[in-house]
Amino acid sequence: MMYIVQWKSKDPIATAKKYVEKGHGIMAGVKVLQDLHVVGSPSGFLLVETDQPELLHKAAAAWGEPTMECSVIPVISGEQAKAAL
C-alpha cells in the first residue's frame, strides 16, 4: 500500500541538520518513491510504499515532537481508483 507522509518542521534549523546527518529516517521495509520538499517552506512529503504501516508509525514518532509534525495518509493510484469505480 502507498502512503503520503506529510511533515512540517517546528524548528527548521534542527530539522535540516537531522535530515543532512540521517536522511529522511525511513527504515528497511518501507520503499521511498518520492522525497519532496515545499519550496520556501519548512515542510514536505514522502510518498512511500509498505505492507507494514507500523513502520511508518515508528518513523513518525521518531521524527515527531518536539521538532516535527507528521501525518500519514493512505493513498491509491489513479488506476486503482478507476478500477474501483
C-alpha atoms as a PDB file:
ATOM      1  CA  MET A   1       0.000   0.000   0.000  1.00  0.00           C
ATOM      2  CA  MET A   2       1.136   3.552  -0.661  1.00  0.00           C
ATOM      3  CA  TYR A   3       1.152   6.343   1.893  1.00  0.00           C
ATOM      4  CA  ILE A   4       1.945  10.033   1.914  1.00  0.00           C
ATOM      5  CA  VAL A   5       3.933  11.103   4.941  1.00  0.00           C
ATOM      6  CA  GLN A   6       3.306  14.823   5.331  1.00  0.00           C
ATOM      7  CA  TRP A   7       5.708  16.705   7.570  1.00  0.00           C
ATOM      8  CA  LYS A   8       6.190  20.249   8.813  1.00  0.00           C
ATOM      9  CA  SER A   9       9.151  21.419  10.845  1.00  0.00           C
ATOM     10  CA  LYS A  10       8.688  23.388  14.049  1.00  0.00           C
ATOM     11  CA  ASP A  11      12.439  24.053  14.146  1.00  0.00           C
ATOM     12  CA  PRO A  12      13.782  24.275  10.570  1.00  0.00           C
ATOM     13  CA  ILE A  13      17.449  24.537  11.602  1.00  0.00           C
ATOM     14  CA  ALA A  14      17.332  21.422  13.829  1.00  0.00           C
ATOM     15  CA  THR A  15      15.301  19.526  11.218  1.00  0.00           C
ATOM     16  CA  ALA A  16      17.698  20.424   8.395  1.00  0.00           C
ATOM     17  CA  LYS A  17      20.670  19.312  10.487  1.00  0.00           C
ATOM     18  CA  LYS A  18      18.977  15.977  11.314  1.00  0.00           C
ATOM     19  CA  TYR A  19      17.998  15.465   7.649  1.00  0.00           C
ATOM     20  CA  VAL A  20      21.558  16.113   6.423  1.00  0.00           C
ATOM     21  CA  GLU A  21      23.012  13.775   9.072  1.00  0.00           C
ATOM     22  CA  LYS A  22      20.457  10.939   8.991  1.00  0.00           C
ATOM     23  CA  GLY A  23      18.348  11.278   5.838  1.00  0.00           C
ATOM     24  CA  HIS A  24      14.589  11.002   5.943  1.00  0.00           C
ATOM     25  CA  GLY A  25      14.587   8.356   8.676  1.00  0.00           C
ATOM     26  CA  ILE A  26      12.550   5.711   6.863  1.00  0.00           C
ATOM     27  CA  MET A  27      13.721   2.221   7.757  1.00  0.00           C
ATOM     28  CA  ALA A  28      14.015  -1.090   5.922  1.00  0.00           C
ATOM     29  CA  GLY A  29      10.617  -2.438   4.938  1.00  0.00           C
ATOM     30  CA  VAL A  30       9.489   0.933   3.555  1.00  0.00           C
ATOM     31  CA  LYS A  31      10.283   1.933  -0.031  1.00  0.00           C
ATOM     32  CA  VAL A  32      10.548   5.701  -0.603  1.00  0.00           C
ATOM     33  CA  LEU A  33       9.029   6.512  -4.002  1.00  0.00           C
ATOM     34  CA  GLN A  34       9.383  10.310  -3.764  1.00  0.00           C
ATOM     35  CA  ASP A  35      11.015  12.709  -1.298  1.00  0.00           C
ATOM     36  CA  LEU A  36       9.506  16.163  -1.896  1.00  0.00           C
ATOM     37  CA  HIS A  37      10.220  19.475  -0.194  1.00  0.00           C
ATOM     38  CA  VAL A  38       7.985  22.559  -0.459  1.00  0.00           C
ATOM     39  CA  VAL A  39       9.994  25.460  -1.879  1.00  0.00           C
ATOM     40  CA  GLY A  40      10.330  28.284   0.655  1.00  0.00           C
ATOM     41  CA  SER A  41       8.640  26.317   3.421  1.00  0.00           C
ATOM     42  CA  PRO A  42       9.901  24.044   6.206  1.00  0.00           C
ATOM     43  CA  SER A  43       7.592  21.247   5.056  1.00  0.00           C
ATOM     44  CA  GLY A  44       7.329  18.418   2.595  1.00  0.00           C
ATOM     45  CA  PHE A  45       6.051  14.988   1.695  1.00  0.00           C
ATOM     46  CA  LEU A  46       7.320  11.473   1.281  1.00  0.00           C
ATOM     47  CA  LEU A  47       5.469   9.086  -0.997  1.00  0.00           C
ATOM     48  CA  VAL A  48       6.220   5.617   0.333  1.00  0.00           C
ATOM     49  CA  GLU A  49       5.131   2.037  -0.165  1.00  0.00           C
ATOM     50  CA  THR A  50       4.961  -0.646   2.514  1.00  0.00           C
ATOM     51  CA  ASP A  51       2.910  -3.578   3.739  1.00  0.00           C
ATOM     52  CA  GLN A  52       3.984  -2.738   7.306  1.00  0.00           C
ATOM     53  CA  PRO A  53       2.270   0.570   8.240  1.00  0.00           C
ATOM     54  CA  GLU A  54       3.512   0.193  11.818  1.00  0.00           C
ATOM     55  CA  LEU A  55       6.960   1.135  10.482  1.00  0.00           C
ATOM     56  CA  LEU A  56       5.542   4.492   9.384  1.00  0.00           C
ATOM     57  CA  HIS A  57       4.107   4.983  12.847  1.00  0.00           C
ATOM     58  CA  LYS A  58       7.540   4.304  14.311  1.00  0.00           C
ATOM     59  CA  ALA A  59       9.274   6.696  11.873  1.00  0.00           C
ATOM     60  CA  ALA A  60       6.722   9.462  12.507  1.00  0.00           C
ATOM     61  CA  ALA A  61       7.202   9.074  16.253  1.00  0.00           C
ATOM     62  CA  ALA A  62      10.984   9.243  15.872  1.00  0.00           C
ATOM     63  CA  TRP A  63      10.810  12.405  13.751  1.00  0.00           C
ATOM     64  CA  GLY A  64       7.827  13.930  15.538  1.00  0.00           C
ATOM     65  CA  GLU A  65       7.750  16.040  18.666  1.00  0.00           C
ATOM     66  CA  PRO A  66       9.438  18.310  19.507  1.00  0.00           C
ATOM     67  CA  THR A  67      10.766  19.332  16.083  1.00  0.00           C
ATOM     68  CA  MET A  68       8.225  17.982  13.574  1.00  0.00           C
ATOM     69  CA  GLU A  69       4.547  17.482  12.947  1.00  0.00           C
ATOM     70  CA  CYS A  70       3.919  14.329  10.899  1.00  0.00           C
ATOM     71  CA  SER A  71       0.808  12.768   9.459  1.00  0.00           C
ATOM     72  CA  VAL A  72       0.441   9.553   7.471  1.00  0.00           C
ATOM     73  CA  ILE A  73      -2.210   9.345   4.747  1.00  0.00           C
ATOM     74  CA  PRO A  74      -3.046   6.100   2.906  1.00  0.00           C
ATOM     75  CA  VAL A  75      -3.405   6.662  -0.863  1.00  0.00           C
ATOM     76  CA  ILE A  76      -4.103   4.692  -4.037  1.00  0.00           C
ATOM     77  CA  SER A  77      -3.068   5.379  -7.621  1.00  0.00           C
ATOM     78  CA  GLY A  78      -5.378   6.862 -10.208  1.00  0.00           C
ATOM     79  CA  GLU A  79      -5.501   3.477 -11.938  1.00  0.00           C
ATOM     80  CA  GLN A  80      -6.547   1.783  -8.681  1.00  0.00           C
ATOM     81  CA  ALA A  81      -9.225   4.446  -8.149  1.00  0.00           C
ATOM     82  CA  LYS A  82     -10.585   3.948 -11.680  1.00  0.00           C
ATOM     83  CA  ALA A  83     -10.687   0.167 -11.238  1.00  0.00           C
ATOM     84  CA  ALA A  84     -12.680   0.580  -8.038  1.00  0.00           C
ATOM     85  CA  LEU A  85     -15.444   2.581  -9.785  1.00  0.00           C
END
